[in-house]
C-alpha atoms as a PDB file:
ATOM      1  CA  MET A   1      -5.352  17.923   0.644  1.00  0.00           C
ATOM      2  CA  ARG A   2      -4.516  15.235  -2.207  1.00  0.00           C
ATOM      3  CA  LYS A   3      -1.445  13.568  -2.284  1.00  0.00           C
ATOM      4  CA  VAL A   4       0.856  12.834  -5.294  1.00  0.00           C
ATOM      5  CA  LEU A   5       1.903   9.090  -5.437  1.00  0.00           C
ATOM      6  CA  ALA A   6       5.701   9.491  -5.334  1.00  0.00           C
ATOM      7  CA  LEU A   7       6.327   6.010  -4.414  1.00  0.00           C
ATOM      8  CA  PRO A   8       6.721   3.170  -6.856  1.00  0.00           C
ATOM      9  CA  PRO A   9       3.571   1.265  -7.681  1.00  0.00           C
ATOM     10  CA  ARG A  10       5.358  -1.936  -5.655  1.00  0.00           C
ATOM     11  CA  LEU A  11       6.023   0.154  -3.079  1.00  0.00           C
ATOM     12  CA  ALA A  12       2.484   1.794  -2.792  1.00  0.00           C
ATOM     13  CA  ARG A  13       0.925  -1.508  -2.947  1.00  0.00           C
ATOM     14  CA  LEU A  14       3.162  -3.352  -0.436  1.00  0.00           C
ATOM     15  CA  GLY A  15       1.810  -0.168   2.109  1.00  0.00           C
ATOM     16  CA  ALA A  16      -1.744  -1.198   1.353  1.00  0.00           C
ATOM     17  CA  ALA A  17      -0.957  -5.056   1.813  1.00  0.00           C
ATOM     18  CA  MET A  18       0.818  -3.997   5.236  1.00  0.00           C
ATOM     19  CA  ALA A  19      -2.470  -2.161   6.274  1.00  0.00           C
ATOM     20  CA  LEU A  20      -4.596  -5.069   5.201  1.00  0.00           C
ATOM     21  CA  MET A  21      -2.355  -7.553   7.178  1.00  0.00           C
ATOM     22  CA  ALA A  22      -2.390  -5.377  10.131  1.00  0.00           C
ATOM     23  CA  VAL A  23      -6.349  -5.887  10.051  1.00  0.00           C
ATOM     24  CA  VAL A  24      -5.862  -9.857   9.059  1.00  0.00           C
ATOM     25  CA  MET A  25      -3.185 -10.079  11.667  1.00  0.00           C
ATOM     26  CA  VAL A  26      -5.437  -8.856  14.822  1.00  0.00           C
ATOM     27  CA  PRO A  27      -7.221 -12.523  14.856  1.00  0.00           C
ATOM     28  CA  VAL A  28      -3.889 -14.021  14.635  1.00  0.00           C
ATOM     29  CA  ALA A  29      -2.478 -12.221  17.236  1.00  0.00           C
ATOM     30  CA  SER A  30      -5.409 -13.152  19.634  1.00  0.00           C
ATOM     31  CA  GLN A  31      -4.919 -16.630  19.060  1.00  0.00           C
ATOM     32  CA  ALA A  32      -1.376 -16.310  19.072  1.00  0.00           C
ATOM     33  CA  GLU A  33      -2.083 -14.736  22.898  1.00  0.00           C
ATOM     34  CA  SER A  34      -3.841 -18.286  23.799  1.00  0.00           C
ATOM     35  CA  THR A  35      -0.968 -20.467  22.529  1.00  0.00           C
ATOM     36  CA  PRO A  36       2.571 -19.875  23.259  1.00  0.00           C
ATOM     37  CA  ALA A  37       4.919 -19.547  20.259  1.00  0.00           C
ATOM     38  CA  ALA A  38       8.267 -20.873  19.742  1.00  0.00           C
ATOM     39  CA  PRO A  39      10.745 -18.426  20.978  1.00  0.00           C
ATOM     40  CA  SER A  40      12.276 -18.060  17.593  1.00  0.00           C
ATOM     41  CA  THR A  41       8.666 -17.326  16.068  1.00  0.00           C
ATOM     42  CA  GLN A  42       8.328 -14.777  18.692  1.00  0.00           C
ATOM     43  CA  THR A  43      11.568 -13.434  18.259  1.00  0.00           C
ATOM     44  CA  GLN A  44      10.880 -13.368  14.282  1.00  0.00           C
ATOM     45  CA  GLN A  45       7.218 -11.665  15.024  1.00  0.00           C
ATOM     46  CA  GLY A  46       8.952  -8.912  17.379  1.00  0.00           C
ATOM     47  CA  SER A  47      11.304  -8.297  14.249  1.00  0.00           C
ATOM     48  CA  PHE A  48       8.564  -8.246  11.884  1.00  0.00           C
ATOM     49  CA  ARG A  49       6.837  -5.820  13.933  1.00  0.00           C
ATOM     50  CA  GLN A  50      10.098  -3.742  14.293  1.00  0.00           C
ATOM     51  CA  LEU A  51      10.467  -3.511  10.406  1.00  0.00           C
ATOM     52  CA  GLN A  52       6.897  -2.485  10.010  1.00  0.00           C
ATOM     53  CA  HIS A  53       7.497   0.472  12.294  1.00  0.00           C
ATOM     54  CA  GLN A  54      10.505   1.675  10.644  1.00  0.00           C
ATOM     55  CA  PHE A  55       8.520   1.341   6.961  1.00  0.00           C
ATOM     56  CA  ILE A  56       5.510   3.267   8.645  1.00  0.00           C
ATOM     57  CA  ARG A  57       7.981   6.036  10.002  1.00  0.00           C
ATOM     58  CA  ILE A  58      10.003   6.076   6.761  1.00  0.00           C
ATOM     59  CA  ARG A  59       6.710   6.361   4.563  1.00  0.00           C
ATOM     60  CA  ALA A  60       5.559   9.039   6.774  1.00  0.00           C
ATOM     61  CA  ASP A  61       8.423  11.086   6.304  1.00  0.00           C
ATOM     62  CA  LEU A  62       8.355  10.435   2.594  1.00  0.00           C
ATOM     63  CA  THR A  63       4.646  11.571   2.594  1.00  0.00           C
ATOM     64  CA  ARG A  64       5.408  14.542   4.485  1.00  0.00           C
ATOM     65  CA  ILE A  65       7.866  15.547   1.812  1.00  0.00           C
ATOM     66  CA  GLU A  66       5.668  14.794  -0.831  1.00  0.00           C
ATOM     67  CA  GLY A  67       3.125  17.072   0.632  1.00  0.00           C
ATOM     68  CA  GLU A  68       5.552  20.049   0.717  1.00  0.00           C
ATOM     69  CA  ALA A  69       6.596  19.097  -2.715  1.00  0.00           C
ATOM     70  CA  VAL A  70       2.695  19.365  -3.537  1.00  0.00           C
ATOM     71  CA  LYS A  71       2.463  22.863  -2.304  1.00  0.00           C
ATOM     72  CA  LYS A  72       5.273  24.105  -3.829  1.00  0.00           C
ATOM     73  CA  ASN A  73       4.665  22.647  -7.150  1.00  0.00           C
ATOM     74  CA  PRO A  74       0.799  22.399  -7.622  1.00  0.00           C
ATOM     75  CA  GLN A  75       1.200  21.091 -10.930  1.00  0.00           C
ATOM     76  CA  LEU A  76       1.937  17.958  -9.674  1.00  0.00           C
ATOM     77  CA  LEU A  77      -1.529  17.681  -8.586  1.00  0.00           C
ATOM     78  CA  LYS A  78      -2.782  18.172 -12.302  1.00  0.00           C
ATOM     79  CA  MET A  79      -0.459  15.820 -13.316  1.00  0.00           C
ATOM     80  CA  ARG A  80      -1.596  13.147 -10.737  1.00  0.00           C
ATOM     81  CA  ASP A  81      -5.093  13.740 -11.506  1.00  0.00           C
ATOM     82  CA  ALA A  82      -4.308  13.025 -15.341  1.00  0.00           C
ATOM     83  CA  PHE A  83      -2.474   9.849 -14.552  1.00  0.00           C
ATOM     84  CA  ARG A  84      -5.464   8.583 -12.342  1.00  0.00           C
ATOM     85  CA  GLN A  85      -8.152   9.422 -14.560  1.00  0.00           C
ATOM     86  CA  LYS A  86      -6.033   7.677 -17.468  1.00  0.00           C
ATOM     87  CA  LEU A  87      -5.268   4.436 -15.603  1.00  0.00           C
ATOM     88  CA  ALA A  88      -9.008   4.320 -14.214  1.00  0.00           C
ATOM     89  CA  ALA A  89     -10.495   4.662 -17.806  1.00  0.00           C
ATOM     90  CA  ILE A  90      -7.908   2.030 -18.958  1.00  0.00           C
ATOM     91  CA  MET A  91      -8.778  -0.183 -16.093  1.00  0.00           C
ATOM     92  CA  LYS A  92     -12.607   0.042 -16.839  1.00  0.00           C
ATOM     93  CA  LYS A  93     -12.135  -1.018 -20.672  1.00  0.00           C
ATOM     94  CA  GLY A  94     -10.464  -3.893 -19.108  1.00  0.00           C
ATOM     95  CA  GLY A  95     -13.471  -4.687 -17.364  1.00  0.00           C
ATOM     96  CA  VAL A  96     -12.623  -3.146 -13.853  1.00  0.00           C
ATOM     97  CA  ASP A  97     -15.008  -0.035 -12.349  1.00  0.00           C
ATOM     98  CA  VAL A  98     -12.187   1.434  -9.976  1.00  0.00           C
ATOM     99  CA  LYS A  99     -15.126   3.549  -8.338  1.00  0.00           C
ATOM    100  CA  ALA A 100     -17.417   0.550  -7.889  1.00  0.00           C
ATOM    101  CA  GLN A 101     -14.403  -1.358  -6.082  1.00  0.00           C
ATOM    102  CA  VAL A 102     -13.426   1.211  -3.916  1.00  0.00           C
ATOM    103  CA  LYS A 103     -17.182   1.590  -2.951  1.00  0.00           C
ATOM    104  CA  LYS A 104     -16.893  -2.238  -2.482  1.00  0.00           C
ATOM    105  CA  LEU A 105     -14.152  -2.271   0.045  1.00  0.00           C
ATOM    106  CA  ALA A 106     -15.373   0.691   2.157  1.00  0.00           C
ATOM    107  CA  SER A 107     -18.768  -0.824   2.641  1.00  0.00           C
ATOM    108  CA  ILE A 108     -16.927  -4.197   3.607  1.00  0.00           C
ATOM    109  CA  GLY A 109     -14.542  -2.112   5.615  1.00  0.00           C
ATOM    110  CA  LYS A 110     -17.574  -0.689   7.556  1.00  0.00           C
ATOM    111  CA  GLN A 111     -18.891  -4.147   8.035  1.00  0.00           C
ATOM    112  CA  LEU A 112     -15.803  -5.115   9.287  1.00  0.00           C
ATOM    113  CA  GLN A 113     -16.385  -2.502  11.989  1.00  0.00           C
ATOM    114  CA  VAL A 114     -19.387  -3.639  13.517  1.00  0.00           C
ATOM    115  CA  LYS A 115     -18.527  -5.038  16.938  1.00  0.00           C
ATOM    116  CA  ASN A 116     -21.197  -8.026  16.634  1.00  0.00           C
ATOM    117  CA  VAL A 117     -19.945  -9.883  13.853  1.00  0.00           C
ATOM    118  CA  SER A 118     -19.449 -13.635  13.914  1.00  0.00           C
ATOM    119  CA  SER A 119     -16.105 -15.090  13.449  1.00  0.00           C
ATOM    120  CA  VAL A 120     -17.451 -16.485  10.181  1.00  0.00           C
ATOM    121  CA  LYS A 121     -18.862 -13.544   8.611  1.00  0.00           C
ATOM    122  CA  HIS A 122     -15.652 -11.758   9.626  1.00  0.00           C
ATOM    123  CA  GLN A 123     -13.308 -14.090   7.943  1.00  0.00           C
ATOM    124  CA  GLU A 124     -15.968 -13.767   4.744  1.00  0.00           C
ATOM    125  CA  LEU A 125     -15.491 -10.211   4.685  1.00  0.00           C
ATOM    126  CA  LEU A 126     -11.897 -10.241   4.880  1.00  0.00           C
ATOM    127  CA  HIS A 127     -11.819 -12.810   2.112  1.00  0.00           C
ATOM    128  CA  GLN A 128     -13.991 -10.348   0.073  1.00  0.00           C
ATOM    129  CA  ALA A 129     -11.705  -7.409   0.575  1.00  0.00           C
ATOM    130  CA  ARG A 130      -8.409  -9.157  -0.378  1.00  0.00           C
ATOM    131  CA  GLN A 131     -10.453 -10.661  -3.451  1.00  0.00           C
ATOM    132  CA  VAL A 132     -11.121  -6.983  -4.559  1.00  0.00           C
ATOM    133  CA  ARG A 133      -7.531  -5.616  -3.844  1.00  0.00           C
ATOM    134  CA  LEU A 134      -6.419  -8.592  -5.992  1.00  0.00           C
ATOM    135  CA  ASP A 135      -8.802  -7.714  -8.767  1.00  0.00           C
ATOM    136  CA  LEU A 136      -7.629  -4.076  -8.409  1.00  0.00           C
ATOM    137  CA  PHE A 137      -3.951  -5.280  -8.285  1.00  0.00           C
ATOM    138  CA  ALA A 138      -4.222  -7.478 -11.222  1.00  0.00           C
ATOM    139  CA  ALA A 139      -6.433  -4.746 -13.451  1.00  0.00           C
ATOM    140  CA  GLU A 140      -3.603  -1.952 -12.693  1.00  0.00           C
ATOM    141  CA  ARG A 141      -0.790  -4.359 -13.647  1.00  0.00           C
ATOM    142  CA  LYS A 142      -2.717  -4.788 -17.049  1.00  0.00           C
ATOM    143  CA  ALA A 143      -3.292  -1.472 -17.616  1.00  0.00           C
ATOM    144  CA  MET A 144       0.234  -0.246 -16.867  1.00  0.00           C
ATOM    145  CA  GLN A 145       1.191  -2.179 -20.080  1.00  0.00           C
ATOM    146  CA  ASN A 146      -0.272   0.885 -22.200  1.00  0.00           C
ATOM    147  CA  PRO A 147       2.833   2.631 -23.075  1.00  0.00           C
ATOM    148  CA  GLY A 148       1.126   6.026 -22.870  1.00  0.00           C
ATOM    149  CA  LEU A 149       0.297   5.437 -19.208  1.00  0.00           C
ATOM    150  CA  GLN A 150       3.827   4.171 -18.558  1.00  0.00           C
ATOM    151  CA  ALA A 151       5.187   7.425 -20.029  1.00  0.00           C
ATOM    152  CA  MET A 152       2.679   9.546 -17.917  1.00  0.00           C
ATOM    153  CA  ARG A 153       3.679   7.514 -14.963  1.00  0.00           C
ATOM    154  CA  LYS A 154       7.145   8.181 -15.667  1.00  0.00           C
ATOM    155  CA  LYS A 155       7.088  11.600 -15.707  1.00  0.00           C
ATOM    156  CA  LEU A 156       4.896  12.193 -12.840  1.00  0.00           C
ATOM    157  CA  GLN A 157       7.281  10.335 -10.802  1.00  0.00           C
ATOM    158  CA  GLU A 158      10.442  12.078 -12.166  1.00  0.00           C
ATOM    159  CA  ALA A 159       8.605  15.656 -11.383  1.00  0.00           C
ATOM    160  CA  THR A 160       7.669  14.348  -7.960  1.00  0.00           C
ATOM    161  CA  LEU A 161      11.126  13.390  -6.936  1.00  0.00           C
ATOM    162  CA  LYS A 162      12.882  16.350  -8.363  1.00  0.00           C
ATOM    163  CA  THR A 163      10.453  18.596  -6.337  1.00  0.00           C
ATOM    164  CA  MET A 164      10.988  16.058  -3.123  1.00  0.00           C
ATOM    165  CA  ARG A 165      14.884  16.411  -3.659  1.00  0.00           C
ATOM    166  CA  GLU A 166      14.628  20.189  -3.524  1.00  0.00           C
ATOM    167  CA  ILE A 167      12.993  20.148  -0.424  1.00  0.00           C
ATOM    168  CA  ASP A 168      15.028  17.481   1.463  1.00  0.00           C
ATOM    169  CA  SER A 169      18.166  16.109   0.155  1.00  0.00           C
ATOM    170  CA  ASN A 170      17.630  12.974   2.124  1.00  0.00           C
ATOM    171  CA  THR A 171      14.774  12.188  -0.092  1.00  0.00           C
ATOM    172  CA  ASP A 172      16.750   9.257  -2.029  1.00  0.00           C
ATOM    173  CA  LYS A 173      18.361   8.015   1.546  1.00  0.00           C
ATOM    174  CA  LEU A 174      14.753   7.411   2.818  1.00  0.00           C
ATOM    175  CA  LEU A 175      13.938   5.912  -0.827  1.00  0.00           C
ATOM    176  CA  ALA A 176      16.655   3.452  -0.524  1.00  0.00           C
ATOM    177  CA  LYS A 177      16.061   2.682   2.933  1.00  0.00           C
ATOM    178  CA  ILE A 178      12.047   1.781   2.147  1.00  0.00           C
ATOM    179  CA  ARG A 179      13.340  -0.443  -0.826  1.00  0.00           C
ATOM    180  CA  ASP A 180      15.528  -2.142   1.575  1.00  0.00           C
ATOM    181  CA  LEU A 181      12.797  -2.660   4.035  1.00  0.00           C
ATOM    182  CA  GLU A 182      10.477  -3.940   1.557  1.00  0.00           C
ATOM    183  CA  VAL A 183      12.969  -6.495   1.082  1.00  0.00           C
ATOM    184  CA  LYS A 184      13.546  -7.404   4.261  1.00  0.00           C
ATOM    185  CA  ILE A 185       9.503  -7.828   5.477  1.00  0.00           C
ATOM    186  CA  VAL A 186       9.049 -10.002   2.283  1.00  0.00           C
ATOM    187  CA  LYS A 187      11.842 -12.289   3.549  1.00  0.00           C
ATOM    188  CA  LEU A 188      10.666 -12.361   7.244  1.00  0.00           C
ATOM    189  CA  HIS A 189       6.981 -12.712   5.980  1.00  0.00           C
ATOM    190  CA  SER A 190       7.868 -15.573   4.073  1.00  0.00           C
ATOM    191  CA  ARG A 191       9.880 -17.282   6.751  1.00  0.00           C
ATOM    192  CA  LEU A 192       6.955 -16.813   9.268  1.00  0.00           C
ATOM    193  CA  VAL A 193       4.141 -18.205   6.912  1.00  0.00           C
ATOM    194  CA  GLN A 194       6.089 -20.958   5.835  1.00  0.00           C
ATOM    195  CA  GLY A 195       6.841 -21.919   9.453  1.00  0.00           C
END
């Protein structure tokens, strides 16, 4: 079943970034095992993981509610598809072919799963994946400057949230919690990267 994007784009991108970080953090974690980290760094890494797990659990709850909303209101699928088609068309006019970029990411993902990939090739592939994602995010931000697209997104979000609230009265609490977690994750990630 297709899913409707109910989360604000910033949160959706954070979820995608966290998924990519999980891939990126695997080599870092294996290096960290051979080099003991300072206790404060270990504590921060543990806190970061806990926040990630909370974020994933809440996102799963919201995804479940959203799936139920789509079942209850199939019009949301039509609205979502129309929004995505217009977004892709505007991005393509701007020089970024979404379908081609998604295929490129899938290809990179398959190459990353090969067991005998050298660490140099692995890093190259991760860099390529990051660049494709950055290009997609930049093209999406640019496309979202379009007033018609903004109106479509707002209408889709409002309709989706309305139906989600009808299904689960905790929807707003879950959204507030995930926004709070996003802020905490970004702050903690900045501290971990800086030092």
